[in-house]
Amino acid sequence: MRLVSLLFHDVYLRDPSESGFSSPAADRYKLSLTDFERQLEGLAGLKVPASLVTDLEQRRGDRRLSMAVTVDDGGLSYYTVVADRLEALGWRGHCFVSTKFIGTPGFMNARQLRELDARGHVIGTHSATHPARFSALSSEEMREEWSRSRDVLANLLGHDVHIGSVPGGYFSNVVAGTAADVGITFLMNSEPVTYTRMVNRCTVAGRFTIRGGARPNLARLFALPAPWARYRAWASWNVKGLIKPVLGASYPRVSAWVQTVSSSLSSF
C-alpha cells in the first residue's frame, strides 16, 4: 500500500492567531484561506479521491498511490473552514486533536468534534498536552499522554479511538511502542515517505507537510505519481533529523528564524 498523506495545520482568514496554537513557531505552519484553497484546487485536478486510513485495510496489497488529508492540533479552523472545503470535493479528512485544549480559545469544542465525527471525518489523538519534544519524554509519560487523550476522545465521541499523530514530528520506536501499549494501532509521523511499516505493534505512516508560504501546487506535486518532489521533501526531512538532536529545545526557534531570513532574502 502506497499512501501520500498530506499534513496541514490551521487555516486563517485574516490573522494566524484565529485558530490553534499561537507562536512564531506554530504560525509558520498555518495557511491563509486563499493558499489552502489553491492547494485543494491542485489536488482536485488530479481526480484522485482522498482516502481515509480507516478504509485502507481493505486495500492492503494494492500498489496504486492513495492520498489522504490530515490536519494536526484540533484548531477551530478544521470546523469552520477545512471540513466544508473537503466535503465540497466529496472528501473527508483526519483531524488530530490535542485534548487538553478542547473548548479553549482557538480550538474546537466537544459539540463540534462530535459533529465532524458524525459527518465522516476521522478524529484522532495528537496527545493530551502537545509536548514540545514528545520523544524526549519517559516511556511512562508517553503512555500517559496517549491514554489520557484517547480516553477523552472516546468518552466525547462515544466510540473507541485507535489512530493518532505525533506532536512536532518527534518520533521514535519507543513513541510507537507506547502508543500501541494503550491501544493506538495506526500512528502518523512527519517523515515524508509513501510506505507504511509496523513498529512495535503499531502501523506507522509518514506525511508530507504543507507550510505557510508553500508554492500553490505543492500538495499536487506530492500527490503526483512522479516522485521528484517527494524525494526532495525526504532529503530535507533527513537533514533536519541530523540537526534536531544538536539544537535540542532550541530547534523550533532556530528553524523559525531560518525561515524568516529565507523569506526576506527571496523578496529581493
Protein backbone atom coordinates (compact mmCIF):
# COMPACT_ATOMS: atom_id res chain seq x y z
CA MET A 1 0.00 0.00 0.00
CA ARG A 2 1.42 3.40 -1.03
CA LEU A 3 -0.01 6.44 0.72
CA VAL A 4 0.70 10.16 0.27
CA SER A 5 -0.59 11.70 3.50
CA LEU A 6 -0.64 15.49 3.39
CA LEU A 7 -0.10 17.31 6.69
CA PHE A 8 -1.79 20.68 7.21
CA HIS A 9 -2.27 22.76 10.32
CA ASP A 10 -4.58 25.73 10.82
CA VAL A 11 -6.16 27.89 8.12
CA TYR A 12 -6.90 31.56 8.82
CA LEU A 13 -8.99 34.30 7.23
CA ARG A 14 -7.16 37.41 8.45
CA ASP A 15 -4.67 36.51 11.16
CA PRO A 16 -2.86 33.26 12.12
CA SER A 17 -3.92 33.69 15.76
CA GLU A 18 -7.54 32.90 14.83
CA SER A 19 -7.05 29.15 15.14
CA GLY A 20 -4.82 26.75 17.04
CA PHE A 21 -1.59 27.45 18.87
CA SER A 22 -0.26 30.98 18.59
CA SER A 23 3.51 31.45 18.43
CA PRO A 24 6.08 32.21 15.72
CA ALA A 25 6.91 28.50 15.53
CA ALA A 26 3.25 27.47 15.21
CA ASP A 27 2.24 30.29 12.86
CA ARG A 28 4.73 29.32 10.18
CA TYR A 29 2.75 26.14 9.57
CA LYS A 30 -0.57 27.95 9.04
CA LEU A 31 -2.06 28.76 5.64
CA SER A 32 -4.28 31.63 4.61
CA LEU A 33 -7.67 30.59 3.27
CA THR A 34 -6.60 31.55 -0.26
CA ASP A 35 -3.44 29.44 -0.05
CA PHE A 36 -5.32 26.47 1.38
CA GLU A 37 -7.93 26.60 -1.37
CA ARG A 38 -5.20 26.72 -4.01
CA GLN A 39 -3.64 23.58 -2.57
CA LEU A 40 -7.01 21.82 -2.70
CA GLU A 41 -7.63 23.01 -6.26
CA GLY A 42 -4.38 21.41 -7.35
CA LEU A 43 -5.29 18.15 -5.66
CA ALA A 44 -8.80 18.13 -7.11
CA GLY A 45 -7.35 18.41 -10.59
CA LEU A 46 -5.65 15.03 -10.17
CA LYS A 47 -9.02 13.25 -9.95
CA VAL A 48 -7.66 11.12 -7.09
CA PRO A 49 -10.14 10.96 -4.19
CA ALA A 50 -8.92 11.49 -0.65
CA SER A 51 -8.83 8.24 1.30
CA LEU A 52 -9.36 7.57 4.99
CA VAL A 53 -6.88 5.34 6.78
CA THR A 54 -9.81 3.58 8.42
CA ASP A 55 -10.70 2.23 4.95
CA LEU A 56 -7.18 1.42 3.76
CA GLU A 57 -7.05 -2.00 5.43
CA GLN A 58 -9.32 -3.19 2.62
CA ARG A 59 -6.71 -2.08 0.07
CA ARG A 60 -3.71 -3.90 1.53
CA GLY A 61 -1.58 -5.18 -1.32
CA ASP A 62 -2.92 -2.53 -3.72
CA ARG A 63 0.12 -0.78 -5.24
CA ARG A 64 -1.77 2.25 -6.52
CA LEU A 65 -0.96 5.55 -4.83
CA SER A 66 -3.61 6.73 -2.35
CA MET A 67 -3.89 10.25 -0.97
CA ALA A 68 -5.07 11.38 2.49
CA VAL A 69 -5.58 14.80 4.07
CA THR A 70 -4.59 15.26 7.72
CA VAL A 71 -4.72 18.30 9.99
CA ASP A 72 -2.94 18.48 13.35
CA ASP A 73 -3.69 20.21 16.68
CA GLY A 74 -7.51 20.47 16.74
CA GLY A 75 -7.69 24.18 15.91
CA LEU A 76 -11.08 25.77 15.27
CA SER A 77 -10.42 26.21 11.56
CA TYR A 78 -10.91 22.50 10.89
CA TYR A 79 -14.58 23.00 11.78
CA THR A 80 -15.10 26.47 10.32
CA VAL A 81 -13.04 26.15 7.12
CA VAL A 82 -11.34 22.85 6.35
CA ALA A 83 -14.21 20.37 6.69
CA ASP A 84 -16.55 22.32 4.39
CA ARG A 85 -13.88 22.65 1.68
CA LEU A 86 -13.11 18.95 1.82
CA GLU A 87 -16.77 17.97 1.74
CA ALA A 88 -17.37 20.20 -1.29
CA LEU A 89 -14.97 17.88 -3.12
CA GLY A 90 -16.66 14.79 -1.73
CA TRP A 91 -13.75 14.16 0.62
CA ARG A 92 -13.27 13.66 4.33
CA GLY A 93 -10.13 14.29 6.37
CA HIS A 94 -8.29 13.29 9.52
CA CYS A 95 -8.40 15.71 12.44
CA PHE A 96 -5.81 15.05 15.16
CA VAL A 97 -6.66 16.70 18.48
CA SER A 98 -4.56 17.68 21.50
CA THR A 99 -7.30 17.08 24.03
CA LYS A 100 -6.17 19.47 26.79
CA PHE A 101 -7.17 22.37 24.54
CA ILE A 102 -10.67 21.24 23.57
CA GLY A 103 -13.07 24.14 24.14
CA THR A 104 -10.33 26.73 24.77
CA PRO A 105 -10.00 29.86 22.58
CA GLY A 106 -8.89 28.98 19.07
CA PHE A 107 -9.72 25.27 19.40
CA MET A 108 -12.78 23.17 18.67
CA ASN A 109 -15.25 22.25 21.38
CA ALA A 110 -16.86 18.89 22.14
CA ARG A 111 -20.01 19.57 20.10
CA GLN A 112 -18.01 20.47 17.01
CA LEU A 113 -15.87 17.35 17.28
CA ARG A 114 -18.93 15.13 17.65
CA GLU A 115 -20.49 16.76 14.59
CA LEU A 116 -17.34 16.25 12.49
CA ASP A 117 -17.24 12.61 13.56
CA ALA A 118 -20.87 12.18 12.51
CA ARG A 119 -20.08 13.82 9.15
CA GLY A 120 -17.47 11.15 8.43
CA HIS A 121 -14.21 12.84 9.38
CA VAL A 122 -11.73 10.75 11.35
CA ILE A 123 -10.97 12.19 14.79
CA GLY A 124 -7.68 11.01 16.27
CA THR A 125 -5.36 11.80 19.13
CA HIS A 126 -2.48 14.28 18.89
CA SER A 127 -1.52 13.64 22.55
CA ALA A 128 -3.07 15.29 25.59
CA THR A 129 -0.85 18.35 26.09
CA HIS A 130 1.23 18.55 22.87
CA PRO A 131 4.69 18.31 24.48
CA ALA A 132 7.38 20.32 22.70
CA ARG A 133 9.63 17.24 22.28
CA PHE A 134 7.48 14.15 22.56
CA SER A 135 10.29 11.63 22.00
CA ALA A 136 12.23 13.14 24.93
CA LEU A 137 9.54 12.07 27.42
CA SER A 138 9.91 8.95 29.52
CA SER A 139 8.00 5.87 28.39
CA GLU A 140 5.54 6.32 31.24
CA GLU A 141 4.95 9.97 30.31
CA MET A 142 4.32 8.96 26.70
CA ARG A 143 1.78 6.35 27.74
CA GLU A 144 0.04 8.91 29.94
CA GLU A 145 -0.16 11.38 27.05
CA TRP A 146 -1.62 8.79 24.69
CA SER A 147 -4.01 7.17 27.15
CA ARG A 148 -5.40 10.43 28.58
CA SER A 149 -6.12 11.89 25.16
CA ARG A 150 -7.53 8.63 23.83
CA ASP A 151 -9.87 8.30 26.82
CA VAL A 152 -11.09 11.90 26.44
CA LEU A 153 -11.90 11.37 22.76
CA ALA A 154 -13.57 8.01 23.33
CA ASN A 155 -15.83 9.48 26.02
CA LEU A 156 -16.60 12.51 23.86
CA LEU A 157 -17.34 10.63 20.64
CA GLY A 158 -18.95 7.55 22.13
CA HIS A 159 -16.62 5.08 20.44
CA ASP A 160 -13.02 3.93 20.67
CA VAL A 161 -10.16 5.85 19.02
CA HIS A 162 -7.26 3.87 17.53
CA ILE A 163 -5.49 6.45 15.34
CA GLY A 164 -3.07 9.20 16.31
CA SER A 165 -0.34 11.54 15.12
CA VAL A 166 2.93 12.52 16.79
CA PRO A 167 3.26 16.15 18.01
CA GLY A 168 6.08 18.13 16.43
CA GLY A 169 7.36 15.22 14.39
CA TYR A 170 9.42 13.91 17.34
CA PHE A 171 9.03 10.21 16.56
CA SER A 172 10.95 7.18 17.79
CA ASN A 173 10.36 3.43 18.06
CA VAL A 174 9.51 3.98 21.72
CA VAL A 175 6.85 6.53 20.74
CA ALA A 176 5.21 3.89 18.55
CA GLY A 177 5.53 1.22 21.24
CA THR A 178 3.91 3.33 23.94
CA ALA A 179 1.08 4.24 21.57
CA ALA A 180 0.47 0.56 20.89
CA ASP A 181 0.58 -0.16 24.64
CA VAL A 182 -2.58 1.92 25.16
CA GLY A 183 -4.49 0.73 22.09
CA ILE A 184 -3.38 3.01 19.24
CA THR A 185 -2.93 0.82 16.16
CA PHE A 186 -2.19 3.45 13.47
CA LEU A 187 0.21 6.34 14.05
CA MET A 188 1.25 9.13 11.70
CA ASN A 189 4.55 10.98 11.99
CA SER A 190 6.17 13.68 9.83
CA GLU A 191 8.59 11.57 7.79
CA PRO A 192 7.85 12.25 4.09
CA VAL A 193 7.51 8.68 2.82
CA THR A 194 4.73 6.83 0.99
CA TYR A 195 5.10 3.45 2.66
CA THR A 196 3.63 2.22 5.94
CA ARG A 197 5.53 -0.03 8.30
CA MET A 198 4.97 -1.93 11.52
CA VAL A 199 6.90 -0.53 14.50
CA ASN A 200 6.43 -2.14 17.90
CA ARG A 201 2.94 -3.47 17.08
CA CYS A 202 1.81 -0.13 15.63
CA THR A 203 1.35 0.69 11.93
CA VAL A 204 3.28 3.88 11.18
CA ALA A 205 2.75 6.14 8.16
CA GLY A 206 4.66 9.24 7.12
CA ARG A 207 3.28 12.58 5.94
CA PHE A 208 4.23 15.42 3.60
CA THR A 209 3.98 18.81 5.31
CA ILE A 210 2.40 21.87 3.63
CA ARG A 211 3.59 25.03 5.42
CA GLY A 212 2.58 28.65 5.13
CA GLY A 213 4.15 30.25 2.08
CA ALA A 214 4.42 26.96 0.18
CA ARG A 215 4.13 27.06 -3.60
CA PRO A 216 0.43 26.85 -4.56
CA ASN A 217 0.78 23.47 -6.28
CA LEU A 218 2.98 21.74 -3.68
CA ALA A 219 0.28 19.34 -2.46
CA ARG A 220 -0.40 18.38 -6.08
CA LEU A 221 3.31 17.75 -6.70
CA PHE A 222 3.48 15.47 -3.67
CA ALA A 223 0.45 13.50 -4.86
CA LEU A 224 1.63 13.06 -8.47
CA PRO A 225 2.95 9.62 -9.48
CA ALA A 226 6.30 11.24 -10.42
CA PRO A 227 8.29 11.26 -7.16
CA TRP A 228 10.83 14.09 -7.51
CA ALA A 229 9.01 16.44 -5.09
CA ARG A 230 8.71 13.63 -2.55
CA TYR A 231 12.43 12.84 -2.85
CA ARG A 232 13.26 16.48 -2.17
CA ALA A 233 11.00 16.52 0.91
CA TRP A 234 12.56 13.29 2.16
CA ALA A 235 16.10 14.72 1.80
CA SER A 236 15.13 17.91 3.64
CA TRP A 237 13.50 15.93 6.44
CA ASN A 238 16.60 13.80 6.93
CA VAL A 239 18.82 16.89 7.17
CA LYS A 240 16.51 18.21 9.88
CA GLY A 241 16.80 14.85 11.62
CA LEU A 242 20.54 15.42 11.95
CA ILE A 243 20.12 18.99 13.20
CA LYS A 244 17.31 18.47 15.74
CA PRO A 245 19.35 16.44 18.27
CA VAL A 246 22.13 19.03 18.17
CA LEU A 247 19.85 22.03 18.74
CA GLY A 248 17.52 20.26 21.17
CA ALA A 249 14.84 22.55 22.58
CA SER A 250 16.25 25.46 20.54
CA TYR A 251 15.34 23.81 17.23
CA PRO A 252 11.85 25.38 16.77
CA ARG A 253 13.20 28.89 17.45
CA VAL A 254 16.21 28.49 15.16
CA SER A 255 14.11 26.89 12.44
CA ALA A 256 11.61 29.76 12.55
CA TRP A 257 14.47 32.28 12.31
CA VAL A 258 15.96 30.50 9.28
CA GLN A 259 12.61 30.50 7.51
CA THR A 260 12.13 34.22 8.21
CA VAL A 261 15.56 35.06 6.82
CA SER A 262 14.99 32.88 3.76
CA SER A 263 11.67 34.57 3.06
CA SER A 264 13.25 38.02 3.40
CA LEU A 265 16.08 37.16 1.02
CA SER A 266 13.69 35.73 -1.57
CA SER A 267 11.88 39.06 -1.75
CA PHE A 268 14.93 40.85 -3.18
